[in-house]
N, C-alpha and C. Protein backbone atom coordinates (compact mmCIF):
# COMPACT_ATOMS: atom_id res chain seq x y z
N MET A 1 -82.58 36.26 6.01
CA MET A 1 -82.31 35.12 5.16
C MET A 1 -81.10 34.32 5.66
N ALA A 2 -80.18 34.97 6.32
CA ALA A 2 -78.98 34.29 6.80
C ALA A 2 -79.35 33.17 7.78
N LEU A 3 -80.35 33.41 8.61
CA LEU A 3 -80.78 32.38 9.55
C LEU A 3 -81.26 31.14 8.81
N ARG A 4 -82.08 31.34 7.79
CA ARG A 4 -82.56 30.19 7.02
C ARG A 4 -81.41 29.46 6.35
N ASP A 5 -80.46 30.22 5.83
CA ASP A 5 -79.29 29.59 5.20
C ASP A 5 -78.51 28.77 6.22
N ASP A 6 -78.33 29.31 7.42
CA ASP A 6 -77.63 28.58 8.48
C ASP A 6 -78.38 27.29 8.83
N LEU A 7 -79.69 27.42 8.96
CA LEU A 7 -80.50 26.24 9.31
C LEU A 7 -80.48 25.21 8.19
N LEU A 8 -80.52 25.66 6.95
CA LEU A 8 -80.46 24.72 5.82
C LEU A 8 -79.13 23.96 5.82
N ALA A 9 -78.08 24.64 6.23
CA ALA A 9 -76.76 24.01 6.24
C ALA A 9 -76.54 23.10 7.44
N SER A 10 -77.19 23.41 8.57
CA SER A 10 -76.84 22.71 9.79
C SER A 10 -77.96 21.91 10.45
N HIS A 11 -79.18 22.10 10.04
CA HIS A 11 -80.31 21.47 10.73
C HIS A 11 -81.02 20.51 9.78
N GLU A 12 -80.84 19.22 10.02
CA GLU A 12 -81.37 18.19 9.11
C GLU A 12 -82.89 18.27 8.95
N GLN A 13 -83.61 18.41 10.05
CA GLN A 13 -85.07 18.46 9.97
C GLN A 13 -85.52 19.70 9.19
N PHE A 14 -84.90 20.84 9.42
CA PHE A 14 -85.26 22.05 8.70
C PHE A 14 -85.00 21.87 7.20
N ARG A 15 -83.87 21.26 6.86
CA ARG A 15 -83.53 21.02 5.46
C ARG A 15 -84.57 20.09 4.81
N ARG A 16 -84.96 19.04 5.53
CA ARG A 16 -85.96 18.11 5.00
C ARG A 16 -87.30 18.82 4.78
N LEU A 17 -87.69 19.64 5.75
CA LEU A 17 -88.95 20.38 5.63
C LEU A 17 -88.90 21.36 4.45
N ALA A 18 -87.75 22.01 4.25
CA ALA A 18 -87.61 22.94 3.14
C ALA A 18 -87.73 22.22 1.80
N GLN A 19 -87.17 21.02 1.70
CA GLN A 19 -87.28 20.23 0.48
C GLN A 19 -88.74 19.81 0.25
N GLU A 20 -89.39 19.41 1.31
CA GLU A 20 -90.80 19.02 1.23
C GLU A 20 -91.65 20.21 0.76
N HIS A 21 -91.40 21.38 1.34
CA HIS A 21 -92.13 22.59 0.98
C HIS A 21 -91.93 22.90 -0.51
N SER A 22 -90.71 22.76 -0.97
CA SER A 22 -90.40 23.02 -2.37
C SER A 22 -91.14 22.05 -3.29
N GLN A 23 -91.23 20.81 -2.89
CA GLN A 23 -91.96 19.81 -3.68
C GLN A 23 -93.44 20.16 -3.76
N TYR A 24 -94.01 20.61 -2.65
CA TYR A 24 -95.42 21.00 -2.67
C TYR A 24 -95.65 22.20 -3.58
N VAL A 25 -94.74 23.15 -3.56
CA VAL A 25 -94.84 24.33 -4.43
C VAL A 25 -94.81 23.90 -5.89
N THR A 26 -93.89 23.02 -6.22
CA THR A 26 -93.76 22.53 -7.60
C THR A 26 -95.03 21.82 -8.05
N ARG A 27 -95.56 20.96 -7.19
CA ARG A 27 -96.78 20.23 -7.54
C ARG A 27 -97.98 21.17 -7.66
N LEU A 28 -98.05 22.16 -6.76
CA LEU A 28 -99.13 23.15 -6.85
C LEU A 28 -99.05 23.95 -8.13
N ASP A 29 -97.84 24.35 -8.50
CA ASP A 29 -97.65 25.10 -9.74
C ASP A 29 -98.12 24.30 -10.95
N ALA A 30 -97.82 23.00 -10.94
CA ALA A 30 -98.24 22.14 -12.04
C ALA A 30 -99.75 22.05 -12.13
N ILE A 31 -100.40 21.97 -10.99
CA ILE A 31 -101.87 21.86 -10.98
C ILE A 31 -102.51 23.18 -11.39
N THR A 32 -102.05 24.26 -10.79
CA THR A 32 -102.71 25.55 -11.02
C THR A 32 -102.38 26.15 -12.39
N SER A 33 -101.40 25.58 -13.08
CA SER A 33 -101.08 26.09 -14.42
C SER A 33 -102.03 25.52 -15.47
N LYS A 34 -102.82 24.55 -15.09
CA LYS A 34 -103.78 23.96 -16.03
C LYS A 34 -104.88 24.98 -16.33
N PRO A 35 -105.35 25.01 -17.56
CA PRO A 35 -106.41 25.95 -17.90
C PRO A 35 -107.75 25.62 -17.23
N TYR A 36 -107.93 24.36 -16.88
CA TYR A 36 -109.17 23.93 -16.24
C TYR A 36 -108.82 22.91 -15.16
N LEU A 37 -109.39 23.08 -13.98
CA LEU A 37 -109.17 22.13 -12.90
C LEU A 37 -110.42 21.27 -12.71
N ASN A 38 -110.23 19.96 -12.80
CA ASN A 38 -111.37 19.08 -12.52
C ASN A 38 -111.49 18.94 -11.00
N ASP A 39 -112.48 18.20 -10.56
CA ASP A 39 -112.73 18.07 -9.12
C ASP A 39 -111.53 17.45 -8.38
N ASP A 40 -110.91 16.46 -8.99
CA ASP A 40 -109.74 15.84 -8.36
C ASP A 40 -108.59 16.84 -8.22
N ASP A 41 -108.41 17.66 -9.25
CA ASP A 41 -107.36 18.69 -9.20
C ASP A 41 -107.64 19.70 -8.09
N LYS A 42 -108.88 20.08 -7.94
CA LYS A 42 -109.25 21.05 -6.91
C LYS A 42 -109.01 20.48 -5.51
N ILE A 43 -109.34 19.22 -5.33
CA ILE A 43 -109.12 18.56 -4.05
C ILE A 43 -107.63 18.45 -3.77
N GLU A 44 -106.86 18.08 -4.78
CA GLU A 44 -105.41 17.96 -4.62
C GLU A 44 -104.79 19.33 -4.33
N GLU A 45 -105.29 20.37 -4.97
CA GLU A 45 -104.80 21.72 -4.72
C GLU A 45 -105.01 22.11 -3.26
N ILE A 46 -106.17 21.85 -2.75
CA ILE A 46 -106.47 22.16 -1.35
C ILE A 46 -105.58 21.35 -0.41
N ARG A 47 -105.43 20.07 -0.70
CA ARG A 47 -104.60 19.19 0.13
C ARG A 47 -103.15 19.68 0.15
N LEU A 48 -102.62 20.01 -1.03
CA LEU A 48 -101.24 20.47 -1.11
C LEU A 48 -101.03 21.80 -0.39
N LYS A 49 -102.00 22.70 -0.50
CA LYS A 49 -101.90 23.98 0.20
C LYS A 49 -101.85 23.78 1.71
N LYS A 50 -102.66 22.85 2.20
CA LYS A 50 -102.66 22.56 3.64
C LYS A 50 -101.33 21.96 4.07
N LEU A 51 -100.82 21.03 3.29
CA LEU A 51 -99.54 20.41 3.61
C LEU A 51 -98.41 21.43 3.58
N LYS A 52 -98.43 22.28 2.57
CA LYS A 52 -97.41 23.32 2.43
C LYS A 52 -97.43 24.26 3.64
N LEU A 53 -98.61 24.64 4.06
CA LEU A 53 -98.74 25.53 5.22
C LEU A 53 -98.27 24.84 6.50
N LYS A 54 -98.60 23.57 6.64
CA LYS A 54 -98.16 22.81 7.82
C LYS A 54 -96.64 22.77 7.90
N VAL A 55 -96.00 22.50 6.77
CA VAL A 55 -94.54 22.43 6.72
C VAL A 55 -93.94 23.81 7.01
N LYS A 56 -94.54 24.85 6.45
CA LYS A 56 -94.04 26.20 6.69
C LYS A 56 -94.14 26.55 8.18
N ASP A 57 -95.24 26.18 8.80
CA ASP A 57 -95.40 26.43 10.24
C ASP A 57 -94.33 25.69 11.04
N GLN A 58 -94.02 24.46 10.66
CA GLN A 58 -92.98 23.69 11.35
C GLN A 58 -91.62 24.35 11.18
N MET A 59 -91.36 24.86 9.99
CA MET A 59 -90.08 25.55 9.73
C MET A 59 -89.98 26.82 10.57
N GLU A 60 -91.06 27.56 10.67
CA GLU A 60 -91.06 28.78 11.46
C GLU A 60 -90.88 28.47 12.95
N LEU A 61 -91.42 27.37 13.40
CA LEU A 61 -91.24 26.95 14.79
C LEU A 61 -89.76 26.65 15.07
N ILE A 62 -89.11 25.98 14.15
CA ILE A 62 -87.69 25.70 14.29
C ILE A 62 -86.89 27.01 14.31
N GLU A 63 -87.25 27.94 13.43
CA GLU A 63 -86.57 29.24 13.39
C GLU A 63 -86.72 29.98 14.71
N ARG A 64 -87.94 30.02 15.25
CA ARG A 64 -88.17 30.70 16.53
C ARG A 64 -87.36 30.06 17.65
N SER A 65 -87.35 28.75 17.67
CA SER A 65 -86.60 28.02 18.69
C SER A 65 -85.11 28.32 18.57
N TYR A 66 -84.61 28.34 17.35
CA TYR A 66 -83.20 28.64 17.13
C TYR A 66 -82.86 30.06 17.59
N ARG A 67 -83.74 31.00 17.25
CA ARG A 67 -83.53 32.40 17.68
C ARG A 67 -83.47 32.49 19.19
N ALA A 68 -84.40 31.82 19.85
CA ALA A 68 -84.47 31.88 21.32
C ALA A 68 -83.22 31.26 21.96
N GLN A 69 -82.75 30.16 21.39
CA GLN A 69 -81.59 29.49 21.96
C GLN A 69 -80.29 30.25 21.71
N HIS A 70 -80.23 30.95 20.57
CA HIS A 70 -78.98 31.61 20.18
C HIS A 70 -79.07 33.13 20.23
N GLN A 71 -80.16 33.64 20.75
CA GLN A 71 -80.35 35.09 20.87
C GLN A 71 -80.08 35.81 19.55
N VAL A 72 -80.66 35.26 18.47
CA VAL A 72 -80.51 35.86 17.14
C VAL A 72 -81.69 36.78 16.91
N ALA A 73 -81.44 37.97 16.37
CA ALA A 73 -82.51 38.94 16.12
C ALA A 73 -83.24 38.62 14.85
């Protein structure tokens, strides 16, 4: 977790991606908390899950790159 904290404090793109990821989680929670999902909700749920995963992958790429450059375990 320390690596993520360091990146959140020092890496603008990582911080932006983390905020974006958090927004997707919040929107997904709002959709999935409904007792019934209409077709539009289901489509939006799928779209948000894909976006969330894309952002998470980008964050992990930054983490790997940081580890490689700084020899962090």
